[in-house]
PDB file of N, CA and C in Angstrom:
ATOM      1  N   MET A   1       0.894  -1.295  -0.093  1.00  0.00           N
ATOM      2  CA  MET A   1       0.134  -0.011   0.073  1.00  0.00           C
ATOM      3  C   MET A   1       1.018   1.103  -0.337  1.00  0.00           C
ATOM      4  N   SER A   2       0.372   2.311  -0.840  1.00  0.00           N
ATOM      5  CA  SER A   2       1.380   3.484  -0.948  1.00  0.00           C
ATOM      6  C   SER A   2       0.957   4.508   0.352  1.00  0.00           C
ATOM      7  N   ARG A   3       1.554   5.612   0.506  1.00  0.00           N
ATOM      8  CA  ARG A   3       1.246   6.280   1.671  1.00  0.00           C
ATOM      9  C   ARG A   3      -0.182   6.991   1.173  1.00  0.00           C
ATOM     10  N   ASP A   4      -0.458   7.334   0.095  1.00  0.00           N
ATOM     11  CA  ASP A   4      -1.513   7.976  -0.522  1.00  0.00           C
ATOM     12  C   ASP A   4      -2.893   7.171  -0.103  1.00  0.00           C
ATOM     13  N   GLY A   5      -2.608   5.874   0.070  1.00  0.00           N
ATOM     14  CA  GLY A   5      -3.877   4.774   0.518  1.00  0.00           C
ATOM     15  C   GLY A   5      -4.050   5.124   1.736  1.00  0.00           C
ATOM     16  N   GLU A   6      -2.976   5.104   2.676  1.00  0.00           N
ATOM     17  CA  GLU A   6      -3.125   5.282   4.184  1.00  0.00           C
ATOM     18  C   GLU A   6      -3.455   6.892   4.467  1.00  0.00           C
ATOM     19  N   SER A   7      -2.880   7.718   3.784  1.00  0.00           N
ATOM     20  CA  SER A   7      -3.616   9.092   4.197  1.00  0.00           C
ATOM     21  C   SER A   7      -5.028   9.069   3.789  1.00  0.00           C
ATOM     22  N   GLN A   8      -5.533   8.457   3.045  1.00  0.00           N
ATOM     23  CA  GLN A   8      -6.865   8.533   2.586  1.00  0.00           C
ATOM     24  C   GLN A   8      -7.936   7.865   3.701  1.00  0.00           C
ATOM     25  N   ALA A   9      -7.094   6.688   3.918  1.00  0.00           N
ATOM     26  CA  ALA A   9      -7.989   5.991   5.128  1.00  0.00           C
ATOM     27  C   ALA A   9      -8.025   6.797   6.447  1.00  0.00           C
ATOM     28  N   GLY A  10      -6.892   7.628   6.646  1.00  0.00           N
ATOM     29  CA  GLY A  10      -6.874   8.186   7.968  1.00  0.00           C
ATOM     30  C   GLY A  10      -7.601   9.276   7.827  1.00  0.00           C
ATOM     31  N   GLN A  11      -7.637   9.984   6.689  1.00  0.00           N
ATOM     32  CA  GLN A  11      -8.542  10.911   6.725  1.00  0.00           C
ATOM     33  C   GLN A  11     -10.131  10.534   6.636  1.00  0.00           C
ATOM     34  N   ALA A  12     -10.343   9.387   6.073  1.00  0.00           N
ATOM     35  CA  ALA A  12     -11.979   9.196   6.264  1.00  0.00           C
ATOM     36  C   ALA A  12     -11.944   8.917   7.805  1.00  0.00           C
ATOM     37  N   ARG A  13     -11.223   8.232   8.374  1.00  0.00           N
ATOM     38  CA  ARG A  13     -11.364   7.833   9.921  1.00  0.00           C
ATOM     39  C   ARG A  13     -11.480   9.195  10.758  1.00  0.00           C
ATOM     40  N   ARG A  14     -11.033  10.562  10.433  1.00  0.00           N
ATOM     41  CA  ARG A  14     -10.686  11.585  11.006  1.00  0.00           C
ATOM     42  C   ARG A  14     -12.304  12.224  10.746  1.00  0.00           C
ATOM     43  N   THR A  15     -12.589  12.326   9.357  1.00  0.00           N
ATOM     44  CA  THR A  15     -13.654  12.956   8.909  1.00  0.00           C
ATOM     45  C   THR A  15     -15.384  12.256   9.709  1.00  0.00           C
ATOM     46  N   PHE A  16     -15.110  10.964  10.130  1.00  0.00           N
ATOM     47  CA  PHE A  16     -15.886  10.227  10.205  1.00  0.00           C
ATOM     48  C   PHE A  16     -16.080  10.600  11.861  1.00  0.00           C
ATOM     49  N   LEU A  17     -14.883  10.631  12.828  1.00  0.00           N
ATOM     50  CA  LEU A  17     -14.812  10.997  14.020  1.00  0.00           C
ATOM     51  C   LEU A  17     -15.489  12.205  14.244  1.00  0.00           C
ATOM     52  N   ALA A  18     -15.268  13.038  13.408  1.00  0.00           N
ATOM     53  CA  ALA A  18     -15.541  14.933  13.391  1.00  0.00           C
ATOM     54  C   ALA A  18     -17.171  14.697  13.160  1.00  0.00           C
ATOM     55  N   ARG A  19     -17.395  13.984  12.542  1.00  0.00           N
ATOM     56  CA  ARG A  19     -19.091  14.321  12.035  1.00  0.00           C
ATOM     57  C   ARG A  19     -20.026  13.518  12.996  1.00  0.00           C
ATOM     58  N   MET A  20     -19.468  12.488  13.896  1.00  0.00           N
ATOM     59  CA  MET A  20     -19.726  11.804  14.906  1.00  0.00           C
ATOM     60  C   MET A  20     -19.961  12.499  16.313  1.00  0.00           C
ATOM     61  N   LEU A  21     -18.695  13.300  16.093  1.00  0.00           N
ATOM     62  CA  LEU A  21     -18.624  14.217  17.608  1.00  0.00           C
ATOM     63  C   LEU A  21     -19.850  15.194  17.461  1.00  0.00           C
ATOM     64  N   THR A  22     -19.630  15.971  16.132  1.00  0.00           N
ATOM     65  CA  THR A  22     -20.774  16.792  16.122  1.00  0.00           C
ATOM     66  C   THR A  22     -22.269  16.335  16.208  1.00  0.00           C
ATOM     67  N   GLY A  23     -22.567  15.508  15.557  1.00  0.00           N
ATOM     68  CA  GLY A  23     -23.952  14.734  16.014  1.00  0.00           C
ATOM     69  C   GLY A  23     -24.025  14.474  17.527  1.00  0.00           C
ATOM     70  N   LEU A  24     -23.407  14.147  17.970  1.00  0.00           N
ATOM     71  CA  LEU A  24     -23.297  13.827  19.654  1.00  0.00           C
ATOM     72  C   LEU A  24     -23.237  15.586  20.324  1.00  0.00           C
ATOM     73  N   GLY A  25     -22.790  16.045  19.930  1.00  0.00           N
ATOM     74  CA  GLY A  25     -22.800  17.429  20.397  1.00  0.00           C
ATOM     75  C   GLY A  25     -24.298  18.219  20.068  1.00  0.00           C
ATOM     76  N   ALA A  26     -24.785  18.113  19.282  1.00  0.00           N
ATOM     77  CA  ALA A  26     -25.993  18.447  18.418  1.00  0.00           C
ATOM     78  C   ALA A  26     -27.063  17.943  19.256  1.00  0.00           C
ATOM     79  N   ALA A  27     -26.966  16.644  19.453  1.00  0.00           N
ATOM     80  CA  ALA A  27     -27.908  15.790  20.297  1.00  0.00           C
ATOM     81  C   ALA A  27     -28.173  15.865  21.824  1.00  0.00           C
ATOM     82  N   VAL A  28     -26.785  16.541  22.293  1.00  0.00           N
ATOM     83  CA  VAL A  28     -26.681  16.919  23.617  1.00  0.00           C
ATOM     84  C   VAL A  28     -27.455  18.313  23.774  1.00  0.00           C
ATOM     85  N   ALA A  29     -27.158  18.951  22.931  1.00  0.00           N
ATOM     86  CA  ALA A  29     -27.965  20.270  22.756  1.00  0.00           C
ATOM     87  C   ALA A  29     -29.454  20.461  22.977  1.00  0.00           C
ATOM     88  N   LEU A  30     -30.099  19.408  21.917  1.00  0.00           N
ATOM     89  CA  LEU A  30     -31.200  19.618  21.771  1.00  0.00           C
ATOM     90  C   LEU A  30     -31.875  18.731  23.185  1.00  0.00           C
ATOM     91  N   LEU A  31     -31.433  17.952  23.825  1.00  0.00           N
ATOM     92  CA  LEU A  31     -31.822  17.381  24.712  1.00  0.00           C
ATOM     93  C   LEU A  31     -31.719  17.984  25.882  1.00  0.00           C
ATOM     94  N   SER A  32     -30.820  18.848  26.061  1.00  0.00           N
ATOM     95  CA  SER A  32     -30.911  19.749  27.301  1.00  0.00           C
ATOM     96  C   SER A  32     -31.509  21.152  27.701  1.00  0.00           C
ATOM     97  N   ARG A  33     -32.149  21.357  26.395  1.00  0.00           N
ATOM     98  CA  ARG A  33     -33.167  22.386  26.266  1.00  0.00           C
ATOM     99  C   ARG A  33     -34.222  22.354  26.989  1.00  0.00           C
ATOM    100  N   PRO A  34     -34.710  23.495  27.729  1.00  0.00           N
ATOM    101  CA  PRO A  34     -36.033  23.115  28.582  1.00  0.00           C
ATOM    102  C   PRO A  34     -37.238  22.946  27.440  1.00  0.00           C
ATOM    103  N   ARG A  35     -38.127  22.013  27.835  1.00  0.00           N
ATOM    104  CA  ARG A  35     -39.290  21.810  27.185  1.00  0.00           C
ATOM    105  C   ARG A  35     -40.570  22.710  27.190  1.00  0.00           C
ATOM    106  N   ARG A  36     -41.109  22.848  26.351  1.00  0.00           N
ATOM    107  CA  ARG A  36     -42.339  24.004  26.712  1.00  0.00           C
ATOM    108  C   ARG A  36     -43.338  23.393  27.206  1.00  0.00           C
ATOM    109  N   GLY A  37     -43.460  22.244  27.196  1.00  0.00           N
ATOM    110  CA  GLY A  37     -44.726  21.220  28.098  1.00  0.00           C
ATOM    111  C   GLY A  37     -44.451  21.063  29.261  1.00  0.00           C
ATOM    112  N   ARG A  38     -43.270  21.174  29.655  1.00  0.00           N
ATOM    113  CA  ARG A  38     -42.860  20.567  31.070  1.00  0.00           C
ATOM    114  C   ARG A  38     -42.317  21.710  32.239  1.00  0.00           C
ATOM    115  N   ALA A  39     -42.618  22.838  31.382  1.00  0.00           N
ATOM    116  CA  ALA A  39     -42.091  24.209  32.228  1.00  0.00           C
ATOM    117  C   ALA A  39     -42.886  24.219  33.899  1.00  0.00           C
ATOM    118  N   ALA A  40     -42.130  24.505  34.774  1.00  0.00           N
ATOM    119  CA  ALA A  40     -42.774  24.623  36.060  1.00  0.00           C
ATOM    120  C   ALA A  40     -43.843  25.781  36.021  1.00  0.00           C
ATOM    121  N   ALA A  41     -45.133  24.993  36.576  1.00  0.00           N
ATOM    122  CA  ALA A  41     -46.390  25.967  36.712  1.00  0.00           C
ATOM    123  C   ALA A  41     -46.211  26.534  38.177  1.00  0.00           C
ATOM    124  N   PRO A  42     -46.559  27.735  37.929  1.00  0.00           N
ATOM    125  CA  PRO A  42     -46.645  28.646  39.470  1.00  0.00           C
ATOM    126  C   PRO A  42     -47.986  27.909  40.120  1.00  0.00           C
ATOM    127  N   GLU A  43     -47.557  27.865  41.646  1.00  0.00           N
ATOM    128  CA  GLU A  43     -48.210  27.257  42.484  1.00  0.00           C
ATOM    129  C   GLU A  43     -49.516  28.486  42.749  1.00  0.00           C
ATOM    130  N   SER A  44     -50.753  27.767  42.673  1.00  0.00           N
ATOM    131  CA  SER A  44     -51.836  28.711  43.060  1.00  0.00           C
ATOM    132  C   SER A  44     -52.485  28.519  44.417  1.00  0.00           C
ATOM    133  N   ALA A  45     -52.273  27.376  44.675  1.00  0.00           N
ATOM    134  CA  ALA A  45     -52.698  26.716  46.123  1.00  0.00           C
ATOM    135  C   ALA A  45     -51.464  26.748  46.993  1.00  0.00           C
ATOM    136  N   PRO A  46     -51.853  27.028  48.312  1.00  0.00           N
ATOM    137  CA  PRO A  46     -50.469  26.965  49.210  1.00  0.00           C
ATOM    138  C   PRO A  46     -50.032  25.649  49.419  1.00  0.00           C
ATOM    139  N   ALA A  47     -48.791  25.171  49.584  1.00  0.00           N
ATOM    140  CA  ALA A  47     -48.221  23.708  49.761  1.00  0.00           C
ATOM    141  C   ALA A  47     -48.706  23.056  50.849  1.00  0.00           C
ATOM    142  N   LYS A  48     -49.004  21.759  50.379  1.00  0.00           N
ATOM    143  CA  LYS A  48     -49.636  20.810  51.617  1.00  0.00           C
ATOM    144  C   LYS A  48     -48.353  20.199  52.608  1.00  0.00           C
ATOM    145  N   GLY A  49     -48.784  20.227  53.612  1.00  0.00           N
ATOM    146  CA  GLY A  49     -47.616  19.870  54.594  1.00  0.00           C
ATOM    147  C   GLY A  49     -47.744  20.867  55.961  1.00  0.00           C
ATOM    148  N   PRO A  50     -46.945  20.403  56.696  1.00  0.00           N
ATOM    149  CA  PRO A  50     -46.684  20.974  58.089  1.00  0.00           C
ATOM    150  C   PRO A  50     -46.582  22.265  57.946  1.00  0.00           C
ATOM    151  N   VAL A  51     -47.032  23.247  58.764  1.00  0.00           N
ATOM    152  CA  VAL A  51     -46.912  24.656  58.859  1.00  0.00           C
ATOM    153  C   VAL A  51     -45.265  24.898  59.703  1.00  0.00           C
ATOM    154  N   LEU A  52     -44.485  25.662  59.219  1.00  0.00           N
ATOM    155  CA  LEU A  52     -43.297  25.740  60.082  1.00  0.00           C
ATOM    156  C   LEU A  52     -43.177  27.006  60.498  1.00  0.00           C
ATOM    157  N   TYR A  53     -44.101  27.860  60.263  1.00  0.00           N
ATOM    158  CA  TYR A  53     -43.722  29.230  60.651  1.00  0.00           C
ATOM    159  C   TYR A  53     -45.201  30.006  60.777  1.00  0.00           C
ATOM    160  N   ARG A  54     -45.719  30.607  61.996  1.00  0.00           N
ATOM    161  CA  ARG A  54     -46.710  31.385  62.137  1.00  0.00           C
ATOM    162  C   ARG A  54     -46.234  32.564  62.502  1.00  0.00           C
ATOM    163  N   ARG A  55     -47.049  33.750  62.129  1.00  0.00           N
ATOM    164  CA  ARG A  55     -46.632  34.853  62.361  1.00  0.00           C
ATOM    165  C   ARG A  55     -47.409  35.364  63.731  1.00  0.00           C
ATOM    166  N   THR A  56     -46.880  35.401  64.761  1.00  0.00           N
ATOM    167  CA  THR A  56     -47.574  35.890  66.063  1.00  0.00           C
ATOM    168  C   THR A  56     -46.763  37.076  66.836  1.00  0.00           C
ATOM    169  N   ALA A  57     -47.419  37.397  67.376  1.00  0.00           N
ATOM    170  CA  ALA A  57     -46.544  38.698  68.413  1.00  0.00           C
ATOM    171  C   ALA A  57     -45.327  38.321  69.041  1.00  0.00           C
ATOM    172  N   GLU A  58     -45.179  37.082  69.515  1.00  0.00           N
ATOM    173  CA  GLU A  58     -43.689  36.474  69.837  1.00  0.00           C
ATOM    174  C   GLU A  58     -42.960  36.559  69.001  1.00  0.00           C
ATOM    175  N   THR A  59     -43.650  35.938  67.726  1.00  0.00           N
ATOM    176  CA  THR A  59     -42.372  35.720  66.687  1.00  0.00           C
ATOM    177  C   THR A  59     -41.975  37.296  66.157  1.00  0.00           C
ATOM    178  N   GLU A  60     -42.941  38.110  65.901  1.00  0.00           N
ATOM    179  CA  GLU A  60     -42.459  39.308  65.637  1.00  0.00           C
ATOM    180  C   GLU A  60     -41.325  39.846  66.854  1.00  0.00           C
ATOM    181  N   ARG A  61     -41.529  39.876  67.834  1.00  0.00           N
ATOM    182  CA  ARG A  61     -40.627  40.557  68.861  1.00  0.00           C
ATOM    183  C   ARG A  61     -39.200  39.990  68.708  1.00  0.00           C
ATOM    184  N   TYR A  62     -39.350  38.664  68.662  1.00  0.00           N
ATOM    185  CA  TYR A  62     -38.109  37.664  68.770  1.00  0.00           C
ATOM    186  C   TYR A  62     -37.216  38.181  67.489  1.00  0.00           C
ATOM    187  N   TYR A  63     -37.989  38.231  66.181  1.00  0.00           N
ATOM    188  CA  TYR A  63     -37.247  38.929  64.819  1.00  0.00           C
ATOM    189  C   TYR A  63     -36.732  40.252  64.807  1.00  0.00           C
ATOM    190  N   ARG A  64     -37.761  41.093  65.577  1.00  0.00           N
ATOM    191  CA  ARG A  64     -37.147  42.519  65.679  1.00  0.00           C
ATOM    192  C   ARG A  64     -35.706  42.738  66.623  1.00  0.00           C
ATOM    193  N   THR A  65     -35.691  41.895  67.675  1.00  0.00           N
ATOM    194  CA  THR A  65     -34.375  41.809  68.205  1.00  0.00           C
ATOM    195  C   THR A  65     -33.232  41.418  67.661  1.00  0.00           C
ATOM    196  N   LEU A  66     -33.449  40.266  66.746  1.00  0.00           N
ATOM    197  CA  LEU A  66     -32.239  40.100  65.667  1.00  0.00           C
ATOM    198  C   LEU A  66     -31.952  41.038  65.001  1.00  0.00           C
ATOM    199  N   TYR A  67     -32.153  41.931  64.681  1.00  0.00           N
ATOM    200  CA  TYR A  67     -31.837  42.941  63.504  1.00  0.00           C
ATOM    201  C   TYR A  67     -31.635  44.427  63.996  1.00  0.00           C
ATOM    202  N   GLN A  68     -31.699  44.339  65.537  1.00  0.00           N
ATOM    203  CA  GLN A  68     -31.310  45.633  66.359  1.00  0.00           C
ATOM    204  C   GLN A  68     -29.894  45.766  66.486  1.00  0.00           C
TER     205      GLN A  68
END
């Protein structure tokens, strides 16, 4: 085999790898973008679960002393 045959085979491999990496990059870019239908909806109702904080006179007094 001559050097021309080897360089053409090497060039074909490099071209194949470059195109494959470009395709993978495009696929990752398309899959990582946010989808329209799956956007987070704003919460209209309060979250269900335990109430962690109640605003009372005692808590107001406590937080007022923290920031003085």
